[in-house]
Amino acid sequence: MYKSEFANEAYEIIFEQTQKILNSWNETIIAIATPPGVGAIGVIRISGDKAIDIANLLFINKDLNDQPSHTLHVGILKNNDEIIDEVVVSLFKAPRSYTGENVVEISCHGSAFIQQKIIDACIEKGARLARPGEFTQRSFLNGKLDLAQAEAVADLIASNSDASRKTALQNMRGGFSNILKQLREQLLKFSALIELELDFSQEDVEFADRTQLYALIKEAKQVTNELLQSFRLGNVIRNGVQVAIVGKPNAGKSTLLNTLLNDNRAIVSDIAGTTRDTVEEIINIDGILFRLIDTAGIRKSENEIESIGVEKSLEKMRTADIVLYVFDTPHESIEHLSGEQQQLKSANKNYILIGNKIDLMNADDIIKKFGNIDALFISAKEHTHIHLLKKQLTDKVLSGNIQTENIIITNARHFEALQKVNDALIDIQKGLDEHIPGDLIALDIRRCLHFLGEITGQITNEDQLDYIFSKFCIGK
């Protein structure tokens, strides 16, 4: 009896939670879609079955229910006897909208007070405030976007360079999803045929052509590996490249930073050891963000504060994606420079040797002294060869150019799932090589399909969706 009551109570709790979730998706939501602050225009977005009805209760110039979808209407918003603002109302009727529901966008004057008055009036008429990412989450749940495309929306909003914009736009338009969709459909076909074989196991027949399946798995592995390889570039596009500017004191590191930034960001002095702490700034070169870190000069010092700065420099050098080792061309010894170069190679660092202050030395003498060293010679003070340094930086990262027309993975969740897809493909190929039974191959194919489905959202759960969309901004 006790167990029965406990089971009934658990069922009621689950039922109530399910109803609560379903009811929340039936509600009409509202949020400001433009950034906070005062501006000329503010946009308020409403989505849900009652979106047009709620807007219609406030819009006094015409009946919005009688207007066609994708139209604009100028008029007055009035709540009870109070005129709120003169606005432009945009209508998007289901299913031809971003969320797949009825959507109304109200373009009002950018006063925060006016925007809040409109939101309060709409809530009074039956709307509720949207949660972060809820508009895009509804778009996903209504089949307007898959999960990978929805995440690309957030990437597009957060894009801070031309490369990140192009990559996010490509993924949002379904480039990445289409590749996965084609692969998934082909695997599903073979999975179904192998499952059919199991129903006729007594007849010992094969419906799935093993040669074609082997060719598909080989092609799928190649595609998956290319996508996995693109994550390194995708991570650079999304987060930028850490570049540590290191070298001995007074080599011109801070001058180089200022020259690259075209701004006097770091203190420059002829006194060695002026830079005691790291200075970090961001520069955009050909659509890629480089996070430049000016470090303290590396030398042995009895000064406690300078020693701390040197230790920080070494730490930044260890963790940087690229190291710019700057040396004083007139005063650097070839023996010391060769030793530093060997240490960078031993540490497997991606580095560029930069000989600074060439304005103080004859070109022939530079060639005679450093002819066997692969270095770029510049004058940070005179801006000589800075354009060559910028090109070398982008070449280090992008091998000369960025193919944003190709599909590039920027999302760590996608990368982890693709690694599991690749592991499953390896197991399928191994099973085919070893001629294992079809039921075991079918298990590996189902595992592969599962991880592909995790990326696009065909296989997901409520907690995962809440986590993904909670990182969106409110109003999107």
Protein backbone atom coordinates (compact mmCIF):
# COMPACT_ATOMS: atom_id res chain seq x y z
CA MET A 1 0.00 0.00 0.00
CA TYR A 2 2.81 2.37 0.90
CA LYS A 3 4.61 1.67 -2.38
CA SER A 4 1.44 2.33 -4.34
CA GLU A 5 0.89 5.68 -2.62
CA PHE A 6 4.52 6.64 -3.20
CA ALA A 7 4.25 5.75 -6.90
CA ASN A 8 1.05 7.79 -7.25
CA GLU A 9 2.66 10.77 -5.55
CA ALA A 10 5.72 10.56 -7.82
CA TYR A 11 3.47 10.32 -10.88
CA GLU A 12 1.52 13.41 -9.79
CA ILE A 13 4.74 15.40 -9.31
CA ILE A 14 6.03 14.40 -12.77
CA PHE A 15 2.63 15.17 -14.31
CA GLU A 16 2.50 18.62 -12.67
CA GLN A 17 6.05 19.44 -13.81
CA THR A 18 5.26 18.32 -17.36
CA GLN A 19 2.07 20.40 -17.42
CA LYS A 20 4.00 23.39 -16.10
CA ILE A 21 6.55 23.08 -18.92
CA LEU A 22 3.84 22.66 -21.56
CA ASN A 23 1.87 25.62 -20.20
CA SER A 24 4.97 27.83 -20.24
CA TRP A 25 5.39 27.16 -23.96
CA ASN A 26 1.73 28.04 -24.59
CA GLU A 27 2.18 31.43 -22.96
CA THR A 28 2.81 34.60 -24.95
CA ILE A 29 6.20 36.10 -24.15
CA ILE A 30 7.62 39.61 -24.44
CA ALA A 31 11.06 41.22 -24.15
CA ILE A 32 13.09 44.16 -25.35
CA ALA A 33 15.12 43.05 -28.37
CA THR A 34 17.47 46.04 -28.53
CA PRO A 35 20.44 46.69 -26.20
CA PRO A 36 19.82 48.48 -22.90
CA GLY A 37 20.35 52.24 -22.81
CA VAL A 38 18.93 55.32 -24.49
CA GLY A 39 18.75 55.29 -28.28
CA ALA A 40 16.65 56.64 -31.12
CA ILE A 41 14.62 53.43 -31.49
CA GLY A 42 13.78 50.53 -29.20
CA VAL A 43 12.30 47.24 -30.42
CA ILE A 44 9.98 45.13 -28.28
CA ARG A 45 9.26 41.58 -29.42
CA ILE A 46 6.11 39.58 -28.58
CA SER A 47 5.68 35.91 -29.54
CA GLY A 48 2.87 33.42 -28.95
CA ASP A 49 -0.70 32.60 -29.89
CA LYS A 50 -2.01 35.81 -28.32
CA ALA A 51 0.76 38.13 -29.59
CA ILE A 52 -1.42 39.88 -32.18
CA ASP A 53 -4.45 40.00 -29.86
CA ILE A 54 -2.38 41.64 -27.08
CA ALA A 55 -0.88 44.21 -29.46
CA ASN A 56 -4.34 44.84 -30.90
CA LEU A 57 -5.68 45.83 -27.46
CA LEU A 58 -3.14 48.66 -27.37
CA PHE A 59 -2.94 49.68 -31.04
CA ILE A 60 -5.91 51.99 -31.68
CA ASN A 61 -5.54 52.86 -35.38
CA LYS A 62 -6.67 49.61 -37.01
CA ASP A 63 -7.50 45.97 -36.32
CA LEU A 64 -4.19 44.11 -36.60
CA ASN A 65 -5.97 40.76 -36.90
CA ASP A 66 -7.25 41.85 -40.32
CA GLN A 67 -3.80 42.79 -41.62
CA PRO A 68 -1.64 40.42 -43.69
CA SER A 69 1.61 38.93 -42.42
CA HIS A 70 4.92 40.70 -42.97
CA THR A 71 3.44 44.19 -42.97
CA LEU A 72 4.25 47.42 -41.09
CA HIS A 73 1.69 49.67 -39.42
CA VAL A 74 2.19 53.17 -38.01
CA GLY A 75 -0.06 54.28 -35.18
CA ILE A 76 -0.64 55.07 -31.53
CA LEU A 77 -0.30 52.69 -28.57
CA LYS A 78 -2.83 53.48 -25.87
CA ASN A 79 -3.40 51.66 -22.58
CA ASN A 80 -6.78 52.48 -21.05
CA ASP A 81 -6.96 56.29 -21.39
CA GLU A 82 -3.21 56.90 -21.54
CA ILE A 83 -1.37 57.37 -24.84
CA ILE A 84 2.04 55.66 -24.52
CA ASP A 85 3.83 56.36 -27.80
CA GLU A 86 3.59 56.58 -31.58
CA VAL A 87 5.08 53.36 -32.93
CA VAL A 88 5.63 51.11 -35.94
CA VAL A 89 4.16 47.62 -35.53
CA SER A 90 5.61 44.72 -37.58
CA LEU A 91 3.38 41.65 -38.04
CA PHE A 92 4.66 38.11 -38.62
CA LYS A 93 1.91 35.51 -38.60
CA ALA A 94 2.54 31.84 -37.80
CA PRO A 95 4.26 29.86 -39.14
CA ARG A 96 6.12 32.50 -41.18
CA SER A 97 8.07 34.00 -38.31
CA TYR A 98 11.34 33.55 -36.45
CA THR A 99 9.73 31.47 -33.69
CA GLY A 100 7.11 29.79 -35.89
CA GLU A 101 4.43 31.50 -33.76
CA ASN A 102 2.59 34.79 -34.17
CA VAL A 103 5.21 37.49 -33.65
CA VAL A 104 4.73 41.23 -33.21
CA GLU A 105 7.64 43.65 -33.09
CA ILE A 106 6.94 47.14 -31.78
CA SER A 107 9.44 49.82 -32.81
CA CYS A 108 9.05 52.67 -30.35
CA HIS A 109 11.13 55.64 -29.27
CA GLY A 110 14.27 54.54 -27.43
CA SER A 111 13.38 55.88 -23.99
CA ALA A 112 13.81 53.16 -21.35
CA PHE A 113 10.72 54.59 -19.61
CA ILE A 114 8.56 54.25 -22.76
CA GLN A 115 9.80 50.71 -23.42
CA GLN A 116 8.96 49.67 -19.88
CA LYS A 117 5.49 51.24 -20.14
CA ILE A 118 4.79 49.19 -23.27
CA ILE A 119 6.04 45.97 -21.64
CA ASP A 120 3.96 46.61 -18.51
CA ALA A 121 0.87 47.23 -20.65
CA CYS A 122 1.40 44.00 -22.61
CA ILE A 123 1.93 42.01 -19.40
CA GLU A 124 -1.30 43.53 -18.08
CA LYS A 125 -3.03 42.21 -21.22
CA GLY A 126 -1.73 38.66 -20.76
CA ALA A 127 1.93 38.39 -21.83
CA ARG A 128 4.84 37.39 -19.60
CA LEU A 129 8.53 38.32 -19.64
CA ALA A 130 10.65 36.03 -21.80
CA ARG A 131 13.54 34.06 -20.36
CA PRO A 132 17.05 34.37 -21.91
CA GLY A 133 17.07 32.72 -25.33
CA GLU A 134 13.39 31.77 -25.18
CA PHE A 135 12.54 33.19 -28.62
CA THR A 136 15.29 31.10 -30.23
CA GLN A 137 14.38 28.10 -28.08
CA ARG A 138 10.82 28.28 -29.40
CA SER A 139 12.21 28.54 -32.93
CA PHE A 140 14.11 25.29 -32.29
CA LEU A 141 11.14 23.51 -30.69
CA ASN A 142 8.91 24.57 -33.58
CA GLY A 143 11.33 23.19 -36.15
CA LYS A 144 12.47 26.53 -37.61
CA LEU A 145 16.10 25.88 -36.61
CA ASP A 146 18.00 22.84 -35.44
CA LEU A 147 20.13 23.07 -32.30
CA ALA A 148 23.40 23.73 -34.14
CA GLN A 149 21.76 26.58 -36.07
CA ALA A 150 20.28 27.99 -32.87
CA GLU A 151 23.71 28.04 -31.22
CA ALA A 152 25.07 29.81 -34.31
CA VAL A 153 22.55 32.60 -33.66
CA ALA A 154 24.24 33.25 -30.31
CA ASP A 155 27.65 33.12 -32.00
CA LEU A 156 26.51 35.65 -34.60
CA ILE A 157 25.28 38.04 -31.90
CA ALA A 158 28.61 37.67 -30.06
CA SER A 159 30.77 37.94 -33.21
CA ASN A 160 33.50 40.54 -32.87
CA SER A 161 35.36 40.14 -36.16
CA ASP A 162 34.57 39.57 -39.83
CA ALA A 163 35.78 35.98 -39.63
CA SER A 164 33.57 35.12 -36.64
CA ARG A 165 30.60 36.79 -38.36
CA LYS A 166 31.10 34.79 -41.57
CA THR A 167 31.55 31.52 -39.70
CA ALA A 168 28.47 32.02 -37.51
CA LEU A 169 26.37 33.10 -40.50
CA GLN A 170 27.45 30.04 -42.48
CA ASN A 171 26.48 27.71 -39.62
CA MET A 172 23.23 29.57 -38.90
CA ARG A 173 22.19 29.14 -42.52
CA GLY A 174 22.61 25.39 -42.12
CA GLY A 175 26.01 24.65 -43.67
CA PHE A 176 27.21 22.51 -40.77
CA SER A 177 23.77 21.00 -40.19
CA ASN A 178 23.41 19.95 -43.85
CA ILE A 179 26.64 17.96 -43.70
CA LEU A 180 25.46 16.14 -40.57
CA LYS A 181 21.98 15.63 -42.02
CA GLN A 182 23.34 13.93 -45.16
CA LEU A 183 25.64 11.71 -43.12
CA ARG A 184 22.85 10.80 -40.70
CA GLU A 185 20.40 9.91 -43.49
CA GLN A 186 22.90 7.59 -45.16
CA LEU A 187 23.74 5.87 -41.87
CA LEU A 188 20.04 5.50 -41.07
CA LYS A 189 19.52 3.76 -44.40
CA PHE A 190 22.23 1.19 -43.68
CA SER A 191 21.07 0.82 -40.09
CA ALA A 192 17.56 -0.03 -41.28
CA LEU A 193 18.88 -2.59 -43.76
CA ILE A 194 21.08 -4.26 -41.14
CA GLU A 195 18.16 -4.32 -38.67
CA LEU A 196 16.11 -5.97 -41.43
CA GLU A 197 18.76 -8.65 -41.79
CA LEU A 198 18.28 -9.52 -38.13
CA ASP A 199 14.62 -10.31 -38.83
CA PHE A 200 15.76 -12.82 -41.47
CA SER A 201 18.72 -14.24 -39.55
CA GLN A 202 17.61 -17.81 -40.24
CA GLU A 203 17.83 -17.26 -44.02
CA ASP A 204 21.43 -15.90 -43.81
CA VAL A 205 20.81 -13.00 -46.23
CA GLU A 206 22.45 -9.56 -46.50
CA PHE A 207 20.36 -6.55 -47.46
CA ALA A 208 23.06 -3.99 -46.65
CA ASP A 209 25.89 -3.88 -49.16
CA ARG A 210 29.01 -4.10 -46.97
CA THR A 211 31.19 -2.59 -49.71
CA GLN A 212 28.98 0.50 -49.93
CA LEU A 213 28.81 0.77 -46.14
CA TYR A 214 32.60 0.55 -45.91
CA ALA A 215 32.95 3.33 -48.50
CA LEU A 216 30.42 5.46 -46.59
CA ILE A 217 32.24 4.98 -43.27
CA LYS A 218 35.56 5.89 -44.91
CA GLU A 219 34.03 9.06 -46.38
CA ALA A 220 32.30 9.89 -43.08
CA LYS A 221 35.60 9.55 -41.18
CA GLN A 222 37.27 11.94 -43.61
CA VAL A 223 34.48 14.52 -43.22
CA THR A 224 34.48 14.15 -39.44
CA ASN A 225 38.26 14.52 -39.22
CA GLU A 226 38.15 17.66 -41.37
CA LEU A 227 35.52 19.13 -39.05
CA LEU A 228 37.56 18.19 -35.99
CA GLN A 229 40.68 19.74 -37.53
CA SER A 230 38.74 22.95 -38.20
CA PHE A 231 38.09 23.41 -34.48
CA ARG A 232 41.58 24.81 -33.92
CA LEU A 233 40.85 27.54 -36.44
CA GLY A 234 37.32 27.91 -35.09
CA ASN A 235 38.65 28.45 -31.59
CA VAL A 236 40.95 31.15 -32.93
CA ILE A 237 38.08 32.84 -34.76
CA ARG A 238 35.85 32.77 -31.71
CA ASN A 239 38.31 33.57 -28.90
CA GLY A 240 41.29 35.19 -30.60
CA VAL A 241 45.00 34.32 -30.56
CA GLN A 242 47.19 34.86 -27.49
CA VAL A 243 50.42 36.56 -28.60
CA ALA A 244 53.18 37.10 -26.02
CA ILE A 245 55.75 39.79 -26.84
CA VAL A 246 58.91 38.71 -25.00
CA GLY A 247 62.62 39.48 -25.01
CA LYS A 248 65.37 41.12 -22.99
CA PRO A 249 64.82 44.53 -21.35
CA ASN A 250 64.91 47.54 -23.68
CA ALA A 251 64.53 45.44 -26.84
CA GLY A 252 61.54 47.59 -27.87
CA LYS A 253 58.67 45.32 -26.87
CA SER A 254 56.44 48.13 -25.58
CA THR A 255 57.23 50.28 -28.62
CA LEU A 256 56.20 47.36 -30.84
CA LEU A 257 52.92 46.99 -28.93
CA ASN A 258 52.18 50.70 -29.32
CA THR A 259 53.04 50.56 -33.03
CA LEU A 260 50.77 47.56 -33.69
CA LEU A 261 47.93 49.25 -31.78
CA ASN A 262 48.69 52.65 -33.32
CA ASP A 263 48.30 54.03 -29.80
CA ASN A 264 50.58 54.86 -26.86
CA ARG A 265 49.17 52.10 -24.67
CA ALA A 266 52.41 51.00 -22.96
CA ILE A 267 54.96 53.23 -21.24
CA VAL A 268 58.12 53.53 -23.36
CA SER A 269 61.49 54.50 -21.85
CA ASP A 270 65.19 54.04 -22.55
CA ILE A 271 65.53 52.77 -18.99
CA ALA A 272 65.72 48.96 -19.03
CA GLY A 273 63.04 47.22 -16.96
CA THR A 274 60.37 49.93 -17.31
CA THR A 275 57.66 47.30 -17.92
CA ARG A 276 57.08 45.47 -14.62
CA ASP A 277 53.64 43.95 -15.28
CA THR A 278 51.94 42.53 -18.36
CA VAL A 279 49.90 44.84 -20.59
CA GLU A 280 47.21 43.19 -22.70
CA GLU A 281 45.41 44.69 -25.70
CA ILE A 282 43.40 43.35 -28.66
CA ILE A 283 44.05 44.06 -32.34
CA ASN A 284 42.06 42.91 -35.37
CA ILE A 285 44.22 41.79 -38.32
CA ASP A 286 42.41 40.57 -41.43
CA GLY A 287 39.35 39.60 -39.42
CA ILE A 288 41.24 37.71 -36.70
CA LEU A 289 41.55 38.94 -33.13
CA PHE A 290 45.05 38.89 -31.68
CA ARG A 291 45.40 39.38 -27.92
CA LEU A 292 48.78 41.08 -27.61
CA ILE A 293 50.58 40.73 -24.28
CA ASP A 294 53.52 43.05 -23.59
CA THR A 295 55.69 41.43 -20.93
CA ALA A 296 58.50 42.50 -18.64
CA GLY A 297 62.02 42.09 -20.01
CA ILE A 298 63.47 38.65 -19.26
CA ARG A 299 66.66 38.88 -17.24
CA LYS A 300 68.02 37.98 -13.80
CA SER A 301 67.27 40.73 -11.31
CA GLU A 302 67.84 41.41 -7.62
CA ASN A 303 64.74 43.61 -7.60
CA GLU A 304 61.84 41.61 -6.11
CA ILE A 305 59.14 43.43 -8.09
CA GLU A 306 61.00 43.07 -11.39
CA SER A 307 61.60 39.36 -10.64
CA ILE A 308 57.86 38.86 -10.23
CA GLY A 309 57.36 40.59 -13.59
CA VAL A 310 59.92 38.31 -15.24
CA GLU A 311 58.16 35.22 -13.84
CA LYS A 312 54.87 36.50 -15.25
CA SER A 313 56.57 36.97 -18.63
CA LEU A 314 57.77 33.37 -18.63
CA GLU A 315 54.29 32.14 -17.69
CA LYS A 316 52.68 34.16 -20.53
CA MET A 317 55.27 32.76 -22.93
CA ARG A 318 54.44 29.21 -21.88
CA THR A 319 50.69 29.64 -22.39
CA ALA A 320 50.70 31.85 -25.52
CA ASP A 321 49.61 30.58 -28.93
CA ILE A 322 52.34 32.63 -30.62
CA VAL A 323 55.53 34.09 -29.15
CA LEU A 324 57.09 37.24 -30.64
CA TYR A 325 60.70 37.17 -29.44
CA VAL A 326 62.00 40.73 -29.87
CA PHE A 327 65.74 41.41 -29.79
CA ASP A 328 67.86 44.53 -30.08
CA THR A 329 69.49 44.08 -33.50
CA PRO A 330 72.59 46.30 -32.94
CA HIS A 331 73.42 44.82 -29.53
CA GLU A 332 72.18 41.19 -29.66
CA SER A 333 74.82 38.47 -29.88
CA ILE A 334 74.28 35.68 -32.38
CA GLU A 335 75.19 33.09 -29.73
CA HIS A 336 72.54 34.28 -27.28
CA LEU A 337 69.89 34.55 -30.00
CA SER A 338 70.63 31.02 -31.26
CA GLY A 339 70.22 29.74 -27.70
CA GLU A 340 66.85 31.48 -27.28
CA GLN A 341 65.68 30.12 -30.63
CA GLN A 342 66.65 26.59 -29.61
CA GLN A 343 64.68 26.93 -26.35
CA LEU A 344 61.59 28.05 -28.26
CA LYS A 345 61.94 25.08 -30.60
CA SER A 346 62.43 22.68 -27.68
CA ALA A 347 59.28 24.02 -26.05
CA ASN A 348 57.45 23.41 -29.35
CA LYS A 349 56.34 27.05 -29.44
CA ASN A 350 54.90 28.78 -32.48
CA TYR A 351 57.23 31.78 -32.62
CA ILE A 352 58.56 34.65 -34.72
CA LEU A 353 62.03 36.13 -34.14
CA ILE A 354 61.90 39.91 -34.52
CA GLY A 355 65.04 41.98 -34.88
CA ASN A 356 64.13 45.51 -33.79
CA LYS A 357 65.90 48.89 -34.18
CA ILE A 358 67.17 48.32 -37.74
CA ASP A 359 67.08 52.09 -38.14
CA LEU A 360 70.26 52.12 -36.01
CA MET A 361 72.20 49.63 -38.14
CA ASN A 362 73.36 49.29 -41.74
CA ALA A 363 71.43 46.72 -43.83
CA ASP A 364 74.62 44.98 -45.04
CA ASP A 365 75.84 44.62 -41.46
CA ILE A 366 72.52 43.04 -40.45
CA ILE A 367 72.83 40.45 -43.21
CA LYS A 368 76.45 39.77 -42.32
CA LYS A 369 75.67 39.33 -38.62
CA PHE A 370 72.33 37.45 -38.78
CA GLY A 371 72.44 35.85 -42.23
CA ASN A 372 71.82 32.33 -40.90
CA ILE A 373 68.96 33.33 -38.55
CA ASP A 374 65.36 33.16 -39.78
CA ALA A 375 64.11 36.45 -38.37
CA LEU A 376 62.01 39.44 -39.41
CA PHE A 377 63.88 42.72 -39.06
CA ILE A 378 61.85 45.81 -38.23
CA SER A 379 61.95 49.24 -36.67
CA ALA A 380 59.03 49.55 -34.29
CA LYS A 381 59.86 53.22 -33.77
CA GLU A 382 59.85 54.03 -37.52
CA HIS A 383 57.05 51.50 -38.36
CA THR A 384 59.38 49.74 -40.81
CA HIS A 385 58.18 46.28 -41.99
CA ILE A 386 55.24 46.26 -39.52
CA HIS A 387 52.96 45.19 -42.39
CA LEU A 388 55.20 42.13 -42.89
CA LEU A 389 54.87 41.25 -39.22
CA LYS A 390 51.08 41.43 -39.45
CA LYS A 391 51.14 39.14 -42.46
CA GLN A 392 53.37 36.64 -40.66
CA LEU A 393 50.98 36.63 -37.70
CA THR A 394 47.99 35.77 -39.87
CA ASP A 395 50.05 33.20 -41.81
CA LYS A 396 50.99 31.49 -38.54
CA VAL A 397 47.34 31.08 -37.69
CA LEU A 398 45.63 30.66 -41.03
CA SER A 399 48.34 29.34 -43.35
CA GLY A 400 48.02 32.45 -45.49
CA ASN A 401 44.26 32.78 -45.86
CA ILE A 402 41.01 32.01 -44.13
CA GLN A 403 38.55 29.75 -45.88
CA THR A 404 35.38 30.94 -44.18
CA GLU A 405 33.43 29.43 -47.07
CA ASN A 406 34.31 26.04 -45.57
CA ILE A 407 32.49 24.71 -42.53
CA ILE A 408 34.39 25.61 -39.36
CA ILE A 409 33.61 24.22 -35.90
CA THR A 410 33.67 26.88 -33.17
CA ASN A 411 31.54 25.18 -30.50
CA ALA A 412 33.19 22.95 -27.87
CA ARG A 413 29.98 20.91 -27.49
CA HIS A 414 30.01 20.09 -31.20
CA PHE A 415 33.71 19.19 -31.03
CA GLU A 416 33.18 16.73 -28.17
CA ALA A 417 30.22 15.10 -29.94
CA LEU A 418 32.18 14.81 -33.20
CA GLN A 419 35.00 13.08 -31.35
CA LYS A 420 32.49 10.47 -30.15
CA VAL A 421 31.09 10.19 -33.70
CA ASN A 422 34.61 9.54 -34.97
CA ASP A 423 35.19 6.86 -32.30
CA ALA A 424 31.95 5.14 -33.34
CA LEU A 425 32.95 5.27 -37.04
CA ILE A 426 36.29 3.66 -36.19
CA ASP A 427 34.46 0.87 -34.35
CA ILE A 428 32.12 0.33 -37.33
CA GLN A 429 35.06 0.12 -39.72
CA LYS A 430 36.88 -2.27 -37.40
CA GLY A 431 33.75 -4.43 -37.17
CA LEU A 432 33.50 -4.59 -40.96
CA ASP A 433 37.18 -5.53 -41.23
CA GLU A 434 36.72 -8.32 -38.69
CA HIS A 435 33.37 -9.46 -40.20
CA ILE A 436 31.53 -9.26 -36.88
CA PRO A 437 27.78 -10.03 -36.79
CA GLY A 438 25.32 -7.45 -38.11
CA ASP A 439 23.66 -6.87 -34.73
CA LEU A 440 26.95 -5.62 -33.28
CA ILE A 441 27.57 -3.35 -36.27
CA ALA A 442 24.03 -2.03 -35.85
CA LEU A 443 24.83 -1.10 -32.24
CA ASP A 444 27.85 0.96 -33.33
CA ILE A 445 25.82 2.67 -36.07
CA ARG A 446 23.11 3.56 -33.55
CA ARG A 447 25.81 4.99 -31.26
CA CYS A 448 27.11 7.11 -34.13
CA LEU A 449 23.57 8.30 -34.96
CA HIS A 450 23.02 9.20 -31.32
CA PHE A 451 25.99 11.57 -31.18
CA LEU A 452 25.10 13.14 -34.54
CA GLY A 453 21.61 13.70 -33.18
CA GLU A 454 23.02 15.36 -30.06
CA ILE A 455 24.64 18.06 -32.21
CA THR A 456 21.52 18.97 -34.19
CA GLY A 457 19.11 18.47 -31.29
CA GLN A 458 17.30 15.41 -32.63
CA ILE A 459 18.42 13.74 -29.39
CA THR A 460 18.39 16.05 -26.39
CA ASN A 461 16.84 16.67 -22.99
CA GLU A 462 15.22 19.58 -21.18
CA ASP A 463 18.23 20.29 -18.94
CA GLN A 464 20.56 20.47 -21.91
CA LEU A 465 18.26 22.88 -23.75
CA ASP A 466 17.87 25.08 -20.69
CA TYR A 467 21.65 25.26 -20.29
CA ILE A 468 22.28 26.11 -23.95
CA PHE A 469 19.60 28.78 -24.26
CA SER A 470 20.29 30.32 -20.84
CA LYS A 471 23.52 31.69 -22.35
CA PHE A 472 21.55 33.75 -24.88
CA CYS A 473 20.64 37.38 -24.32
CA ILE A 474 17.07 38.25 -23.30
CA GLY A 475 15.02 39.23 -26.35
CA LYS A 476 16.64 36.62 -28.59
